[in-house]
Amino acid sequence: MFRGFVYTQRDAIPSIVLISLIWSLLHVQYAWFGIAAIFVFGVLLGLVRWTTGSTTLTILLHMLYNLESFDRDGIRTPLGSDGEFIFFGQ
């Protein structure tokens, strides 16, 4: 997504960390622990992409992560204006 930041091999790690930090901070709907988890997962995916050169592998890992989250949390559907949710899949 942000390939333009990496011009040389020495730019890779700082760029991965910076992009992961920006991306995680955009997820303001989560608590600090969720934002930290997104940051760590982003760094992991960035390192996988950098070391293997495979975008397909990072997409598959992200799909597995989302599948695990779906299995753990189910589908959340709002039920009215009071903010209650119905949970499917638990």
C-alpha atoms as a PDB file:
ATOM      1  CA  MET A   1       0.000   0.000   0.000  1.00  0.00           C
ATOM      2  CA  PHE A   2       2.754   2.460   0.941  1.00  0.00           C
ATOM      3  CA  ARG A   3       5.541   1.032  -1.192  1.00  0.00           C
ATOM      4  CA  GLY A   4       6.939   4.454  -1.974  1.00  0.00           C
ATOM      5  CA  PHE A   5       8.447   4.769   1.516  1.00  0.00           C
ATOM      6  CA  VAL A   6      10.955   1.983   0.932  1.00  0.00           C
ATOM      7  CA  TYR A   7      13.745   3.136  -1.355  1.00  0.00           C
ATOM      8  CA  THR A   8      16.569   1.001   0.034  1.00  0.00           C
ATOM      9  CA  GLN A   9      16.863  -2.045   2.280  1.00  0.00           C
ATOM     10  CA  ARG A  10      17.793   0.126   5.273  1.00  0.00           C
ATOM     11  CA  ASP A  11      14.511   2.042   4.884  1.00  0.00           C
ATOM     12  CA  ALA A  12      12.397  -1.105   5.172  1.00  0.00           C
ATOM     13  CA  ILE A  13      12.161  -1.595   8.951  1.00  0.00           C
ATOM     14  CA  PRO A  14      11.514   2.069   9.867  1.00  0.00           C
ATOM     15  CA  SER A  15       8.950   2.282   7.069  1.00  0.00           C
ATOM     16  CA  ILE A  16       7.145  -0.861   8.217  1.00  0.00           C
ATOM     17  CA  VAL A  17       7.017   0.461  11.792  1.00  0.00           C
ATOM     18  CA  LEU A  18       5.838   3.926  10.704  1.00  0.00           C
ATOM     19  CA  ILE A  19       3.113   2.609   8.390  1.00  0.00           C
ATOM     20  CA  SER A  20       1.939   0.111  11.040  1.00  0.00           C
ATOM     21  CA  LEU A  21       1.785   2.899  13.626  1.00  0.00           C
ATOM     22  CA  ILE A  22      -0.226   5.196  11.353  1.00  0.00           C
ATOM     23  CA  TRP A  23      -2.581   2.374  10.369  1.00  0.00           C
ATOM     24  CA  SER A  24      -3.143   1.273  13.965  1.00  0.00           C
ATOM     25  CA  LEU A  25      -3.832   4.827  15.155  1.00  0.00           C
ATOM     26  CA  LEU A  26      -6.560   5.131  12.522  1.00  0.00           C
ATOM     27  CA  HIS A  27      -8.494   2.411  14.360  1.00  0.00           C
ATOM     28  CA  VAL A  28      -9.835   4.795  17.010  1.00  0.00           C
ATOM     29  CA  GLN A  29     -12.926   2.653  17.621  1.00  0.00           C
ATOM     30  CA  TYR A  30     -10.833   0.182  19.647  1.00  0.00           C
ATOM     31  CA  ALA A  31      -9.330   0.439  23.127  1.00  0.00           C
ATOM     32  CA  TRP A  32      -5.584   0.935  23.493  1.00  0.00           C
ATOM     33  CA  PHE A  33      -4.967  -2.825  23.699  1.00  0.00           C
ATOM     34  CA  GLY A  34      -6.750  -3.375  20.366  1.00  0.00           C
ATOM     35  CA  ILE A  35      -4.754  -0.579  18.753  1.00  0.00           C
ATOM     36  CA  ALA A  36      -1.526  -2.125  20.090  1.00  0.00           C
ATOM     37  CA  ALA A  37      -2.554  -5.526  18.709  1.00  0.00           C
ATOM     38  CA  ILE A  38      -3.244  -3.985  15.288  1.00  0.00           C
ATOM     39  CA  PHE A  39       0.181  -2.321  15.386  1.00  0.00           C
ATOM     40  CA  VAL A  40       1.964  -5.594  16.214  1.00  0.00           C
ATOM     41  CA  PHE A  41       0.011  -7.480  13.546  1.00  0.00           C
ATOM     42  CA  GLY A  42       0.816  -4.751  11.019  1.00  0.00           C
ATOM     43  CA  VAL A  43       4.528  -5.003  11.796  1.00  0.00           C
ATOM     44  CA  LEU A  44       4.319  -8.789  11.481  1.00  0.00           C
ATOM     45  CA  LEU A  45       2.579  -8.573   8.103  1.00  0.00           C
ATOM     46  CA  GLY A  46       5.071  -5.955   6.928  1.00  0.00           C
ATOM     47  CA  LEU A  47       8.002  -8.140   7.900  1.00  0.00           C
ATOM     48  CA  VAL A  48       6.444 -11.170   6.207  1.00  0.00           C
ATOM     49  CA  ARG A  49       5.935  -9.153   3.016  1.00  0.00           C
ATOM     50  CA  TRP A  50       9.463  -7.755   3.154  1.00  0.00           C
ATOM     51  CA  THR A  51      11.192 -11.086   3.808  1.00  0.00           C
ATOM     52  CA  THR A  52       9.149 -13.292   1.462  1.00  0.00           C
ATOM     53  CA  GLY A  53       8.233 -10.769  -1.212  1.00  0.00           C
ATOM     54  CA  SER A  54       4.751 -12.280  -1.295  1.00  0.00           C
ATOM     55  CA  THR A  55       1.689 -10.088  -1.034  1.00  0.00           C
ATOM     56  CA  THR A  56      -0.456 -13.204  -1.415  1.00  0.00           C
ATOM     57  CA  LEU A  57       0.932 -14.645   1.813  1.00  0.00           C
ATOM     58  CA  THR A  58       0.156 -11.460   3.739  1.00  0.00           C
ATOM     59  CA  ILE A  59      -3.394 -11.448   2.344  1.00  0.00           C
ATOM     60  CA  LEU A  60      -3.892 -15.070   3.422  1.00  0.00           C
ATOM     61  CA  LEU A  61      -2.529 -14.355   6.915  1.00  0.00           C
ATOM     62  CA  HIS A  62      -4.861 -11.361   7.214  1.00  0.00           C
ATOM     63  CA  MET A  63      -7.797 -13.540   6.121  1.00  0.00           C
ATOM     64  CA  LEU A  64      -6.924 -16.128   8.781  1.00  0.00           C
ATOM     65  CA  TYR A  65      -6.719 -13.383  11.413  1.00  0.00           C
ATOM     66  CA  ASN A  66     -10.129 -12.052  10.372  1.00  0.00           C
ATOM     67  CA  LEU A  67     -11.583 -15.574  10.380  1.00  0.00           C
ATOM     68  CA  GLU A  68     -10.308 -16.124  13.911  1.00  0.00           C
ATOM     69  CA  SER A  69     -11.822 -12.795  15.012  1.00  0.00           C
ATOM     70  CA  PHE A  70     -15.113 -13.706  13.383  1.00  0.00           C
ATOM     71  CA  ASP A  71     -15.118 -17.091  15.103  1.00  0.00           C
ATOM     72  CA  ARG A  72     -14.299 -15.478  18.463  1.00  0.00           C
ATOM     73  CA  ASP A  73     -16.630 -12.463  18.328  1.00  0.00           C
ATOM     74  CA  GLY A  74     -19.366 -13.458  15.885  1.00  0.00           C
ATOM     75  CA  ILE A  75     -21.325 -10.908  13.877  1.00  0.00           C
ATOM     76  CA  ARG A  76     -22.347  -7.780  15.750  1.00  0.00           C
ATOM     77  CA  THR A  77     -25.574  -6.197  14.564  1.00  0.00           C
ATOM     78  CA  PRO A  78     -27.013  -3.026  16.148  1.00  0.00           C
ATOM     79  CA  LEU A  79     -30.438  -3.492  17.725  1.00  0.00           C
ATOM     80  CA  GLY A  80     -32.037  -0.090  18.026  1.00  0.00           C
ATOM     81  CA  SER A  81     -30.862   3.305  19.165  1.00  0.00           C
ATOM     82  CA  ASP A  82     -29.822   2.314  22.688  1.00  0.00           C
ATOM     83  CA  GLY A  83     -26.570   0.805  21.423  1.00  0.00           C
ATOM     84  CA  GLU A  84     -27.348  -2.811  22.281  1.00  0.00           C
ATOM     85  CA  PHE A  85     -26.035  -5.487  19.979  1.00  0.00           C
ATOM     86  CA  ILE A  86     -27.194  -8.929  18.929  1.00  0.00           C
ATOM     87  CA  PHE A  87     -24.349 -11.426  18.723  1.00  0.00           C
ATOM     88  CA  PHE A  88     -24.560 -14.192  16.142  1.00  0.00           C
ATOM     89  CA  GLY A  89     -22.073 -17.022  16.020  1.00  0.00           C
ATOM     90  CA  GLN A  90     -21.237 -17.400  19.698  1.00  0.00           C
END
